[in-house]
Amino acid sequence: VDREKIREEEYRKVWREVLEIRRSAVGELIRKGI
């Protein structure tokens, strides 16, 4: 993973999961009326 190209792929994968979690959390707040 320390090799540059693989590290970049790992970063993209993790950051995509982070964005999906954030999106889901905001959707839950909207559904609950918060």
Full PDB file with SEQRES, HELIX, SHEET, SSBOND, CRYST1, ORIGX, SCALE, CONECT and MASTER records, all heavy atoms in Angstrom:
SEQRES   1 A   34  VAL ASP ARG GLU LYS ILE ARG GLU GLU GLU TYR ARG LYS          
SEQRES   2 A   34  VAL TRP ARG GLU VAL LEU GLU ILE ARG ARG SER ALA VAL          
SEQRES   3 A   34  GLY GLU LEU ILE ARG LYS GLY ILE                              
HELIX    1 AA1 GLU A    4  ARG A   31  1                                  28    
CRYST1    1.000    1.000    1.000  90.00  90.00  90.00 P 1           1          
ORIGX1      1.000000  0.000000  0.000000        0.00000                         
ORIGX2      0.000000  1.000000  0.000000        0.00000                         
ORIGX3      0.000000  0.000000  1.000000        0.00000                         
SCALE1      1.000000  0.000000  0.000000        0.00000                         
SCALE2      0.000000  1.000000  0.000000        0.00000                         
SCALE3      0.000000  0.000000  1.000000        0.00000                         
ATOM      1  N   VAL A   1       0.830  -1.209   0.000  1.00  0.00           N  
ATOM      2  CA  VAL A   1       0.000   0.000   0.000  1.00  0.00           C  
ATOM      3  C   VAL A   1       0.860   1.252   0.000  1.00  0.00           C  
ATOM      4  O   VAL A   1       0.440   2.306  -0.487  1.00  0.00           O  
ATOM      5  CB  VAL A   1      -0.962  -0.008   1.216  1.00  0.00           C  
ATOM      6  CG1 VAL A   1      -1.686   1.332   1.360  1.00  0.00           C  
ATOM      7  CG2 VAL A   1      -1.984  -1.119   1.058  1.00  0.00           C  
ATOM      8  N   ASP A   2       2.077   1.163   0.523  1.00  0.00           N  
ATOM      9  CA  ASP A   2       2.964   2.322   0.547  1.00  0.00           C  
ATOM     10  C   ASP A   2       3.353   2.788  -0.851  1.00  0.00           C  
ATOM     11  O   ASP A   2       3.830   3.912  -1.027  1.00  0.00           O  
ATOM     12  CB  ASP A   2       4.245   2.000   1.346  1.00  0.00           C  
ATOM     13  CG  ASP A   2       4.006   2.116   2.845  1.00  0.00           C  
ATOM     14  OD1 ASP A   2       3.015   2.762   3.226  1.00  0.00           O  
ATOM     15  OD2 ASP A   2       4.797   1.550   3.628  1.00  0.00           O  
ATOM     16  N   ARG A   3       3.169   1.926  -1.845  1.00  0.00           N  
ATOM     17  CA  ARG A   3       3.457   2.332  -3.223  1.00  0.00           C  
ATOM     18  C   ARG A   3       2.397   3.330  -3.671  1.00  0.00           C  
ATOM     19  O   ARG A   3       1.206   3.154  -3.433  1.00  0.00           O  
ATOM     20  CB  ARG A   3       3.478   1.109  -4.139  1.00  0.00           C  
ATOM     21  CG  ARG A   3       4.597   0.140  -3.760  1.00  0.00           C  
ATOM     22  CD  ARG A   3       4.429  -1.234  -4.369  1.00  0.00           C  
ATOM     23  NE  ARG A   3       5.384  -2.172  -3.794  1.00  0.00           N  
ATOM     24  CZ  ARG A   3       5.340  -3.480  -3.969  1.00  0.00           C  
ATOM     25  NH1 ARG A   3       4.397  -4.008  -4.724  1.00  0.00           N  
ATOM     26  NH2 ARG A   3       6.237  -4.272  -3.396  1.00  0.00           N  
ATOM     27  N   GLU A   4       2.808   4.374  -4.355  1.00  0.00           N  
ATOM     28  CA  GLU A   4       1.977   5.563  -4.591  1.00  0.00           C  
ATOM     29  C   GLU A   4       0.632   5.255  -5.235  1.00  0.00           C  
ATOM     30  O   GLU A   4      -0.421   5.706  -4.773  1.00  0.00           O  
ATOM     31  CB  GLU A   4       2.743   6.554  -5.468  1.00  0.00           C  
ATOM     32  CG  GLU A   4       2.004   7.868  -5.666  1.00  0.00           C  
ATOM     33  CD  GLU A   4       2.827   8.869  -6.449  1.00  0.00           C  
ATOM     34  OE1 GLU A   4       4.031   8.631  -6.654  1.00  0.00           O  
ATOM     35  OE2 GLU A   4       2.251   9.889  -6.856  1.00  0.00           O  
ATOM     36  N   LYS A   5       0.613   4.458  -6.282  1.00  0.00           N  
ATOM     37  CA  LYS A   5      -0.629   4.209  -7.011  1.00  0.00           C  
ATOM     38  C   LYS A   5      -1.637   3.453  -6.144  1.00  0.00           C  
ATOM     39  O   LYS A   5      -2.822   3.771  -6.129  1.00  0.00           O  
ATOM     40  CB  LYS A   5      -0.321   3.400  -8.279  1.00  0.00           C  
ATOM     41  CG  LYS A   5      -1.524   3.189  -9.174  1.00  0.00           C  
ATOM     42  CD  LYS A   5      -1.132   2.457 -10.444  1.00  0.00           C  
ATOM     43  CE  LYS A   5      -2.349   2.235 -11.325  1.00  0.00           C  
ATOM     44  NZ  LYS A   5      -1.993   1.500 -12.571  1.00  0.00           N  
ATOM     45  N   ILE A   6      -1.145   2.439  -5.397  1.00  0.00           N  
ATOM     46  CA  ILE A   6      -2.028   1.656  -4.545  1.00  0.00           C  
ATOM     47  C   ILE A   6      -2.576   2.514  -3.414  1.00  0.00           C  
ATOM     48  O   ILE A   6      -3.748   2.420  -3.047  1.00  0.00           O  
ATOM     49  CB  ILE A   6      -1.284   0.432  -3.975  1.00  0.00           C  
ATOM     50  CG1 ILE A   6      -0.748  -0.446  -5.114  1.00  0.00           C  
ATOM     51  CG2 ILE A   6      -2.191  -0.377  -3.060  1.00  0.00           C  
ATOM     52  CD1 ILE A   6      -1.825  -1.036  -5.986  1.00  0.00           C  
ATOM     53  N   ARG A   7      -1.719   3.381  -2.863  1.00  0.00           N  
ATOM     54  CA  ARG A   7      -2.157   4.258  -1.779  1.00  0.00           C  
ATOM     55  C   ARG A   7      -3.277   5.180  -2.248  1.00  0.00           C  
ATOM     56  O   ARG A   7      -4.250   5.426  -1.523  1.00  0.00           O  
ATOM     57  CB  ARG A   7      -0.989   5.085  -1.262  1.00  0.00           C  
ATOM     58  CG  ARG A   7      -1.317   5.841   0.033  1.00  0.00           C  
ATOM     59  CD  ARG A   7      -0.240   6.827   0.435  1.00  0.00           C  
ATOM     60  NE  ARG A   7       1.069   6.184   0.515  1.00  0.00           N  
ATOM     61  CZ  ARG A   7       2.088   6.503  -0.279  1.00  0.00           C  
ATOM     62  NH1 ARG A   7       1.940   7.419  -1.225  1.00  0.00           N  
ATOM     63  NH2 ARG A   7       3.243   5.896  -0.148  1.00  0.00           N  
ATOM     64  N   GLU A   8      -3.146   5.683  -3.462  1.00  0.00           N  
ATOM     65  CA  GLU A   8      -4.183   6.563  -4.007  1.00  0.00           C  
ATOM     66  C   GLU A   8      -5.500   5.806  -4.171  1.00  0.00           C  
ATOM     67  O   GLU A   8      -6.575   6.340  -3.868  1.00  0.00           O  
ATOM     68  CB  GLU A   8      -3.723   7.110  -5.366  1.00  0.00           C  
ATOM     69  CG  GLU A   8      -4.731   8.006  -6.062  1.00  0.00           C  
ATOM     70  CD  GLU A   8      -5.007   9.303  -5.319  1.00  0.00           C  
ATOM     71  OE1 GLU A   8      -4.173   9.696  -4.481  1.00  0.00           O  
ATOM     72  OE2 GLU A   8      -6.069   9.911  -5.566  1.00  0.00           O  
ATOM     73  N   GLU A   9      -5.444   4.558  -4.619  1.00  0.00           N  
ATOM     74  CA  GLU A   9      -6.656   3.749  -4.758  1.00  0.00           C  
ATOM     75  C   GLU A   9      -7.301   3.483  -3.402  1.00  0.00           C  
ATOM     76  O   GLU A   9      -8.524   3.527  -3.260  1.00  0.00           O  
ATOM     77  CB  GLU A   9      -6.315   2.424  -5.451  1.00  0.00           C  
ATOM     78  CG  GLU A   9      -5.954   2.572  -6.920  1.00  0.00           C  
ATOM     79  CD  GLU A   9      -5.655   1.249  -7.586  1.00  0.00           C  
ATOM     80  OE1 GLU A   9      -5.858   0.203  -6.924  1.00  0.00           O  
ATOM     81  OE2 GLU A   9      -5.228   1.246  -8.751  1.00  0.00           O  
ATOM     82  N   GLU A  10      -6.459   3.187  -2.396  1.00  0.00           N  
ATOM     83  CA  GLU A  10      -6.974   2.968  -1.044  1.00  0.00           C  
ATOM     84  C   GLU A  10      -7.667   4.223  -0.519  1.00  0.00           C  
ATOM     85  O   GLU A  10      -8.736   4.153   0.093  1.00  0.00           O  
ATOM     86  CB  GLU A  10      -5.825   2.587  -0.101  1.00  0.00           C  
ATOM     87  CG  GLU A  10      -5.380   1.157  -0.225  1.00  0.00           C  
ATOM     88  CD  GLU A  10      -6.284   0.226   0.561  1.00  0.00           C  
ATOM     89  OE1 GLU A  10      -6.141   0.124   1.781  1.00  0.00           O  
ATOM     90  OE2 GLU A  10      -7.167  -0.383  -0.077  1.00  0.00           O  
ATOM     91  N   TYR A  11      -7.046   5.373  -0.767  1.00  0.00           N  
ATOM     92  CA  TYR A  11      -7.629   6.636  -0.307  1.00  0.00           C  
ATOM     93  C   TYR A  11      -8.994   6.868  -0.955  1.00  0.00           C  
ATOM     94  O   TYR A  11      -9.960   7.244  -0.267  1.00  0.00           O  
ATOM     95  CB  TYR A  11      -6.692   7.801  -0.647  1.00  0.00           C  
ATOM     96  CG  TYR A  11      -7.344   9.155  -0.467  1.00  0.00           C  
ATOM     97  CD1 TYR A  11      -7.510   9.708   0.799  1.00  0.00           C  
ATOM     98  CD2 TYR A  11      -7.824   9.864  -1.571  1.00  0.00           C  
ATOM     99  CE1 TYR A  11      -8.131  10.933   0.968  1.00  0.00           C  
ATOM    100  CE2 TYR A  11      -8.445  11.090  -1.415  1.00  0.00           C  
ATOM    101  CZ  TYR A  11      -8.597  11.622  -0.144  1.00  0.00           C  
ATOM    102  OH  TYR A  11      -9.228  12.823   0.019  1.00  0.00           O  
ATOM    103  N   ARG A  12      -9.080   6.659  -2.245  1.00  0.00           N  
ATOM    104  CA  ARG A  12     -10.351   6.857  -2.948  1.00  0.00           C  
ATOM    105  C   ARG A  12     -11.430   5.922  -2.394  1.00  0.00           C  
ATOM    106  O   ARG A  12     -12.580   6.329  -2.205  1.00  0.00           O  
ATOM    107  CB  ARG A  12     -10.174   6.604  -4.451  1.00  0.00           C  
ATOM    108  CG  ARG A  12      -9.387   7.681  -5.173  1.00  0.00           C  
ATOM    109  CD  ARG A  12      -9.327   7.377  -6.660  1.00  0.00           C  
ATOM    110  NE  ARG A  12      -8.541   8.357  -7.369  1.00  0.00           N  
ATOM    111  CZ  ARG A  12      -9.004   9.534  -7.779  1.00  0.00           C  
ATOM    112  NH1 ARG A  12     -10.262   9.857  -7.541  1.00  0.00           N  
ATOM    113  NH2 ARG A  12      -8.229  10.376  -8.427  1.00  0.00           N  
ATOM    114  N   LYS A  13     -11.065   4.670  -2.151  1.00  0.00           N  
ATOM    115  CA  LYS A  13     -12.025   3.697  -1.643  1.00  0.00           C  
ATOM    116  C   LYS A  13     -12.557   4.121  -0.275  1.00  0.00           C  
ATOM    117  O   LYS A  13     -13.770   4.119  -0.026  1.00  0.00           O  
ATOM    118  CB  LYS A  13     -11.361   2.323  -1.552  1.00  0.00           C  
ATOM    119  CG  LYS A  13     -12.255   1.239  -0.972  1.00  0.00           C  
ATOM    120  CD  LYS A  13     -11.502  -0.072  -0.870  1.00  0.00           C  
ATOM    121  CE  LYS A  13     -12.362  -1.143  -0.214  1.00  0.00           C  
ATOM    122  NZ  LYS A  13     -11.630  -2.432  -0.076  1.00  0.00           N  
ATOM    123  N   VAL A  14     -11.632   4.514   0.624  1.00  0.00           N  
ATOM    124  CA  VAL A  14     -12.035   4.915   1.976  1.00  0.00           C  
ATOM    125  C   VAL A  14     -12.862   6.190   1.937  1.00  0.00           C  
ATOM    126  O   VAL A  14     -13.897   6.308   2.611  1.00  0.00           O  
ATOM    127  CB  VAL A  14     -10.792   5.107   2.878  1.00  0.00           C  
ATOM    128  CG1 VAL A  14     -11.196   5.714   4.221  1.00  0.00           C  
ATOM    129  CG2 VAL A  14     -10.085   3.776   3.093  1.00  0.00           C  
ATOM    130  N   TRP A  15     -12.424   7.165   1.115  1.00  0.00           N  
ATOM    131  CA  TRP A  15     -13.136   8.440   1.082  1.00  0.00           C  
ATOM    132  C   TRP A  15     -14.533   8.289   0.477  1.00  0.00           C  
ATOM    133  O   TRP A  15     -15.476   8.960   0.901  1.00  0.00           O  
ATOM    134  CB  TRP A  15     -12.336   9.477   0.299  1.00  0.00           C  
ATOM    135  CG  TRP A  15     -12.860  10.873   0.510  1.00  0.00           C  
ATOM    136  CD1 TRP A  15     -13.447  11.686  -0.393  1.00  0.00           C  
ATOM    137  CD2 TRP A  15     -12.847  11.603   1.744  1.00  0.00           C  
ATOM    138  NE1 TRP A  15     -13.812  12.888   0.179  1.00  0.00           N  
ATOM    139  CE2 TRP A  15     -13.458  12.853   1.493  1.00  0.00           C  
ATOM    140  CE3 TRP A  15     -12.392  11.312   3.036  1.00  0.00           C  
ATOM    141  CZ2 TRP A  15     -13.620  13.816   2.489  1.00  0.00           C  
ATOM    142  CZ3 TRP A  15     -12.545  12.283   4.022  1.00  0.00           C  
ATOM    143  CH2 TRP A  15     -13.151  13.511   3.747  1.00  0.00           C  
ATOM    144  N   ARG A  16     -14.683   7.380  -0.473  1.00  0.00           N  
ATOM    145  CA  ARG A  16     -16.009   7.109  -1.033  1.00  0.00           C  
ATOM    146  C   ARG A  16     -16.939   6.556   0.046  1.00  0.00           C  
ATOM    147  O   ARG A  16     -18.096   6.952   0.148  1.00  0.00           O  
ATOM    148  CB  ARG A  16     -15.909   6.120  -2.192  1.00  0.00           C  
ATOM    149  CG  ARG A  16     -17.275   5.844  -2.859  1.00  0.00           C  
ATOM    150  CD  ARG A  16     -17.141   5.046  -4.131  1.00  0.00           C  
ATOM    151  NE  ARG A  16     -16.503   3.779  -3.900  1.00  0.00           N  
ATOM    152  CZ  ARG A  16     -15.402   3.356  -4.527  1.00  0.00           C  
ATOM    153  NH1 ARG A  16     -14.834   4.120  -5.432  1.00  0.00           N  
ATOM    154  NH2 ARG A  16     -14.891   2.177  -4.268  1.00  0.00           N  
ATOM    155  N   GLU A  17     -16.420   5.652   0.888  1.00  0.00           N  
ATOM    156  CA  GLU A  17     -17.227   5.116   1.992  1.00  0.00           C  
ATOM    157  C   GLU A  17     -17.605   6.219   2.981  1.00  0.00           C  
ATOM    158  O   GLU A  17     -18.728   6.251   3.488  1.00  0.00           O  
ATOM    159  CB  GLU A  17     -16.458   3.996   2.716  1.00  0.00           C  
ATOM    160  CG  GLU A  17     -16.243   2.742   1.883  1.00  0.00           C  
ATOM    161  CD  GLU A  17     -17.554   2.087   1.493  1.00  0.00           C  
ATOM    162  OE1 GLU A  17     -18.507   2.124   2.295  1.00  0.00           O  
ATOM    163  OE2 GLU A  17     -17.626   1.528   0.379  1.00  0.00           O  
ATOM    164  N   VAL A  18     -16.655   7.121   3.238  1.00  0.00           N  
ATOM    165  CA  VAL A  18     -16.927   8.241   4.148  1.00  0.00           C  
ATOM    166  C   VAL A  18     -18.062   9.113   3.609  1.00  0.00           C  
ATOM    167  O   VAL A  18     -18.984   9.499   4.340  1.00  0.00           O  
ATOM    168  CB  VAL A  18     -15.649   9.088   4.360  1.00  0.00           C  
ATOM    169  CG1 VAL A  18     -15.980  10.416   5.052  1.00  0.00           C  
ATOM    170  CG2 VAL A  18     -14.624   8.311   5.169  1.00  0.00           C  
ATOM    171  N   LEU A  19     -18.010   9.427   2.322  1.00  0.00           N  
ATOM    172  CA  LEU A  19     -19.050  10.259   1.705  1.00  0.00           C  
ATOM    173  C   LEU A  19     -20.404   9.557   1.744  1.00  0.00           C  
ATOM    174  O   LEU A  19     -21.438  10.199   1.981  1.00  0.00           O  
ATOM    175  CB  LEU A  19     -18.659  10.587   0.265  1.00  0.00           C  
ATOM    176  CG  LEU A  19     -17.449  11.521   0.088  1.00  0.00           C  
ATOM    177  CD1 LEU A  19     -17.073  11.627  -1.383  1.00  0.00           C  
ATOM    178  CD2 LEU A  19     -17.740  12.897   0.658  1.00  0.00           C  
ATOM    179  N   GLU A  20     -20.414   8.243   1.519  1.00  0.00           N  
ATOM    180  CA  GLU A  20     -21.673   7.502   1.567  1.00  0.00           C  
ATOM    181  C   GLU A  20     -22.264   7.517   2.981  1.00  0.00           C  
ATOM    182  O   GLU A  20     -23.478   7.652   3.162  1.00  0.00           O  
ATOM    183  CB  GLU A  20     -21.448   6.047   1.118  1.00  0.00           C  
ATOM    184  CG  GLU A  20     -21.159   5.886  -0.365  1.00  0.00           C  
ATOM    185  CD  GLU A  20     -22.405   6.060  -1.222  1.00  0.00           C  
ATOM    186  OE1 GLU A  20     -23.518   6.184  -0.672  1.00  0.00           O  
ATOM    187  OE2 GLU A  20     -22.255   6.082  -2.458  1.00  0.00           O  
ATOM    188  N   ILE A  21     -21.402   7.372   3.984  1.00  0.00           N  
ATOM    189  CA  ILE A  21     -21.871   7.411   5.374  1.00  0.00           C  
ATOM    190  C   ILE A  21     -22.442   8.784   5.705  1.00  0.00           C  
ATOM    191  O   ILE A  21     -23.504   8.901   6.337  1.00  0.00           O  
ATOM    192  CB  ILE A  21     -20.717   7.056   6.340  1.00  0.00           C  
ATOM    193  CG1 ILE A  21     -20.324   5.591   6.163  1.00  0.00           C  
ATOM    194  CG2 ILE A  21     -21.115   7.334   7.795  1.00  0.00           C  
ATOM    195  CD1 ILE A  21     -19.048   5.204   6.868  1.00  0.00           C  
ATOM    196  N   ARG A  22     -21.751   9.842   5.282  1.00  0.00           N  
ATOM    197  CA  ARG A  22     -22.249  11.205   5.531  1.00  0.00           C  
ATOM    198  C   ARG A  22     -23.598  11.434   4.865  1.00  0.00           C  
ATOM    199  O   ARG A  22     -24.511  12.005   5.452  1.00  0.00           O  
ATOM    200  CB  ARG A  22     -21.230  12.225   5.007  1.00  0.00           C  
ATOM    201  CG  ARG A  22     -19.958  12.351   5.830  1.00  0.00           C  
ATOM    202  CD  ARG A  22     -19.027  13.364   5.212  1.00  0.00           C  
ATOM    203  NE  ARG A  22     -19.685  14.665   5.078  1.00  0.00           N  
ATOM    204  CZ  ARG A  22     -19.251  15.641   4.261  1.00  0.00           C  
ATOM    205  NH1 ARG A  22     -18.176  15.434   3.498  1.00  0.00           N  
ATOM    206  NH2 ARG A  22     -19.898  16.772   4.198  1.00  0.00           N  
ATOM    207  N   ARG A  23     -23.720  10.961   3.615  1.00  0.00           N  
ATOM    208  CA  ARG A  23     -24.980  11.142   2.887  1.00  0.00           C  
ATOM    209  C   ARG A  23     -26.123  10.415   3.583  1.00  0.00           C  
ATOM    210  O   ARG A  23     -27.233  10.945   3.724  1.00  0.00           O  
ATOM    211  CB  ARG A  23     -24.818  10.606   1.460  1.00  0.00           C  
ATOM    212  CG  ARG A  23     -25.899  11.055   0.500  1.00  0.00           C  
ATOM    213  CD  ARG A  23     -25.703  10.457  -0.883  1.00  0.00           C  
ATOM    214  NE  ARG A  23     -26.539  11.111  -1.857  1.00  0.00           N  
ATOM    215  CZ  ARG A  23     -27.852  10.952  -1.968  1.00  0.00           C  
ATOM    216  NH1 ARG A  23     -28.467  10.140  -1.125  1.00  0.00           N  
ATOM    217  NH2 ARG A  23     -28.548  11.597  -2.883  1.00  0.00           N  
ATOM    218  N   SER A  24     -25.840   9.182   4.021  1.00  0.00           N  
ATOM    219  CA  SER A  24     -26.861   8.407   4.717  1.00  0.00           C  
ATOM    220  C   SER A  24     -27.275   9.070   6.027  1.00  0.00           C  
ATOM    221  O   SER A  24     -28.455   9.094   6.389  1.00  0.00           O  
ATOM    222  CB  SER A  24     -26.325   6.991   4.991  1.00  0.00           C  
ATOM    223  OG  SER A  24     -27.252   6.229   5.709  1.00  0.00           O  
ATOM    224  N   ALA A  25     -26.292   9.644   6.742  1.00  0.00           N  
ATOM    225  CA  ALA A  25     -26.578  10.303   8.016  1.00  0.00           C  
ATOM    226  C   ALA A  25     -27.466  11.530   7.824  1.00  0.00           C  
ATOM    227  O   ALA A  25     -28.419  11.758   8.587  1.00  0.00           O  
ATOM    228  CB  ALA A  25     -25.269  10.694   8.704  1.00  0.00           C  
ATOM    229  N   VAL A  26     -27.178  12.323   6.793  1.00  0.00           N  
ATOM    230  CA  VAL A  26     -27.998  13.502   6.511  1.00  0.00           C  
ATOM    231  C   VAL A  26     -29.418  13.082   6.131  1.00  0.00           C  
ATOM    232  O   VAL A  26     -30.404  13.694   6.585  1.00  0.00           O  
ATOM    233  CB  VAL A  26     -27.368  14.355   5.385  1.00  0.00           C  
ATOM    234  CG1 VAL A  26     -28.306  15.491   4.977  1.00  0.00           C  
ATOM    235  CG2 VAL A  26     -26.027  14.915   5.827  1.00  0.00           C  
ATOM    236  N   GLY A  27     -29.538  12.032   5.328  1.00  0.00           N  
ATOM    237  CA  GLY A  27     -30.856  11.535   4.952  1.00  0.00           C  
ATOM    238  C   GLY A  27     -31.662  11.090   6.156  1.00  0.00           C  
ATOM    239  O   GLY A  27     -32.874  11.324   6.237  1.00  0.00           O  
ATOM    240  N   GLU A  28     -30.984  10.465   7.121  1.00  0.00           N  
ATOM    241  CA  GLU A  28     -31.676  10.024   8.338  1.00  0.00           C  
ATOM    242  C   GLU A  28     -32.184  11.221   9.147  1.00  0.00           C  
ATOM    243  O   GLU A  28     -33.297  11.186   9.683  1.00  0.00           O  
ATOM    244  CB  GLU A  28     -30.716   9.183   9.184  1.00  0.00           C  
ATOM    245  CG  GLU A  28     -31.374   8.557  10.401  1.00  0.00           C  
ATOM    246  CD  GLU A  28     -30.420   7.667  11.171  1.00  0.00           C  
ATOM    247  OE1 GLU A  28     -29.293   7.431  10.679  1.00  0.00           O  
ATOM    248  OE2 GLU A  28     -30.783   7.228  12.274  1.00  0.00           O  
ATOM    249  N   LEU A  29     -31.366  12.296   9.221  1.00  0.00           N  
ATOM    250  CA  LEU A  29     -31.797  13.504   9.944  1.00  0.00           C  
ATOM    251  C   LEU A  29     -33.020  14.138   9.287  1.00  0.00           C  
ATOM    252  O   LEU A  29     -33.926  14.622   9.973  1.00  0.00           O  
ATOM    253  CB  LEU A  29     -30.647  14.519   9.996  1.00  0.00           C  
ATOM    254  CG  LEU A  29     -29.436  14.138  10.862  1.00  0.00           C  
ATOM    255  CD1 LEU A  29     -28.348  15.202  10.732  1.00  0.00           C  
ATOM    256  CD2 LEU A  29     -29.846  13.982  12.320  1.00  0.00           C  
ATOM    257  N   ILE A  30     -33.052  14.104   7.951  1.00  0.00           N  
ATOM    258  CA  ILE A  30     -34.204  14.662   7.232  1.00  0.00           C  
ATOM    259  C   ILE A  30     -35.450  13.832   7.511  1.00  0.00           C  
ATOM    260  O   ILE A  30     -36.531  14.360   7.783  1.00  0.00           O  
ATOM    261  CB  ILE A  30     -33.923  14.731   5.712  1.00  0.00           C  
ATOM    262  CG1 ILE A  30     -32.797  15.728   5.424  1.00  0.00           C  
ATOM    263  CG2 ILE A  30     -35.178  15.129   4.947  1.00  0.00           C  
ATOM    264  CD1 ILE A  30     -32.345  15.733   3.970  1.00  0.00           C  
ATOM    265  N   ARG A  31     -35.310  12.488   7.461  1.00  0.00           N  
ATOM    266  CA  ARG A  31     -36.456  11.613   7.688  1.00  0.00           C  
ATOM    267  C   ARG A  31     -37.030  11.761   9.097  1.00  0.00           C  
ATOM    268  O   ARG A  31     -38.232  11.672   9.312  1.00  0.00           O  
ATOM    269  CB  ARG A  31     -36.054  10.151   7.446  1.00  0.00           C  
ATOM    270  CG  ARG A  31     -35.881   9.781   5.981  1.00  0.00           C  
ATOM    271  CD  ARG A  31     -35.789   8.285   5.795  1.00  0.00           C  
ATOM    272  NE  ARG A  31     -34.655   7.721   6.499  1.00  0.00           N  
ATOM    273  CZ  ARG A  31     -33.421   7.629   5.982  1.00  0.00           C  
ATOM    274  NH1 ARG A  31     -33.193   8.077   4.750  1.00  0.00           N  
ATOM    275  NH2 ARG A  31     -32.441   7.101   6.673  1.00  0.00           N  
ATOM    276  N   LYS A  32     -36.149  12.005  10.073  1.00  0.00           N  
ATOM    277  CA  LYS A  32     -36.601  12.156  11.463  1.00  0.00           C  
ATOM    278  C   LYS A  32     -37.117  13.558  11.772  1.00  0.00           C  
ATOM    279  O   LYS A  32     -37.603  13.815  12.879  1.00  0.00           O  
ATOM    280  CB  LYS A  32     -35.453  11.811  12.421  1.00  0.00           C  
ATOM    281  CG  LYS A  32     -35.087  10.328  12.422  1.00  0.00           C  
ATOM    282  CD  LYS A  32     -33.967  10.046  13.409  1.00  0.00           C  
ATOM    283  CE  LYS A  32     -33.658   8.553  13.484  1.00  0.00           C  
ATOM    284  NZ  LYS A  32     -32.558   8.260  14.429  1.00  0.00           N  
ATOM    285  N   GLY A  33     -36.976  14.471  10.805  1.00  0.00           N  
ATOM    286  CA  GLY A  33     -37.466  15.829  11.006  1.00  0.00           C  
ATOM    287  C   GLY A  33     -36.562  16.688  11.864  1.00  0.00           C  
ATOM    288  O   GLY A  33     -36.962  17.766  12.322  1.00  0.00           O  
ATOM    289  N   ILE A  34     -35.320  16.248  12.092  1.00  0.00           N  
ATOM    290  CA  ILE A  34     -34.387  17.015  12.921  1.00  0.00           C  
ATOM    291  C   ILE A  34     -33.871  18.235  12.173  1.00  0.00           C  
ATOM    292  O   ILE A  34     -33.636  19.294  12.756  1.00  0.00           O  
ATOM    293  CB  ILE A  34     -33.222  16.110  13.379  1.00  0.00           C  
ATOM    294  CG1 ILE A  34     -33.780  14.964  14.249  1.00  0.00           C  
ATOM    295  CG2 ILE A  34     -32.169  16.902  14.134  1.00  0.00           C  
ATOM    296  CD1 ILE A  34     -32.746  13.932  14.635  1.00  0.00           C  
TER     297      ILE A  34                                                      
MASTER        0    0    0    1    0    0    0    6  296    1    0    3          
END                                                                             
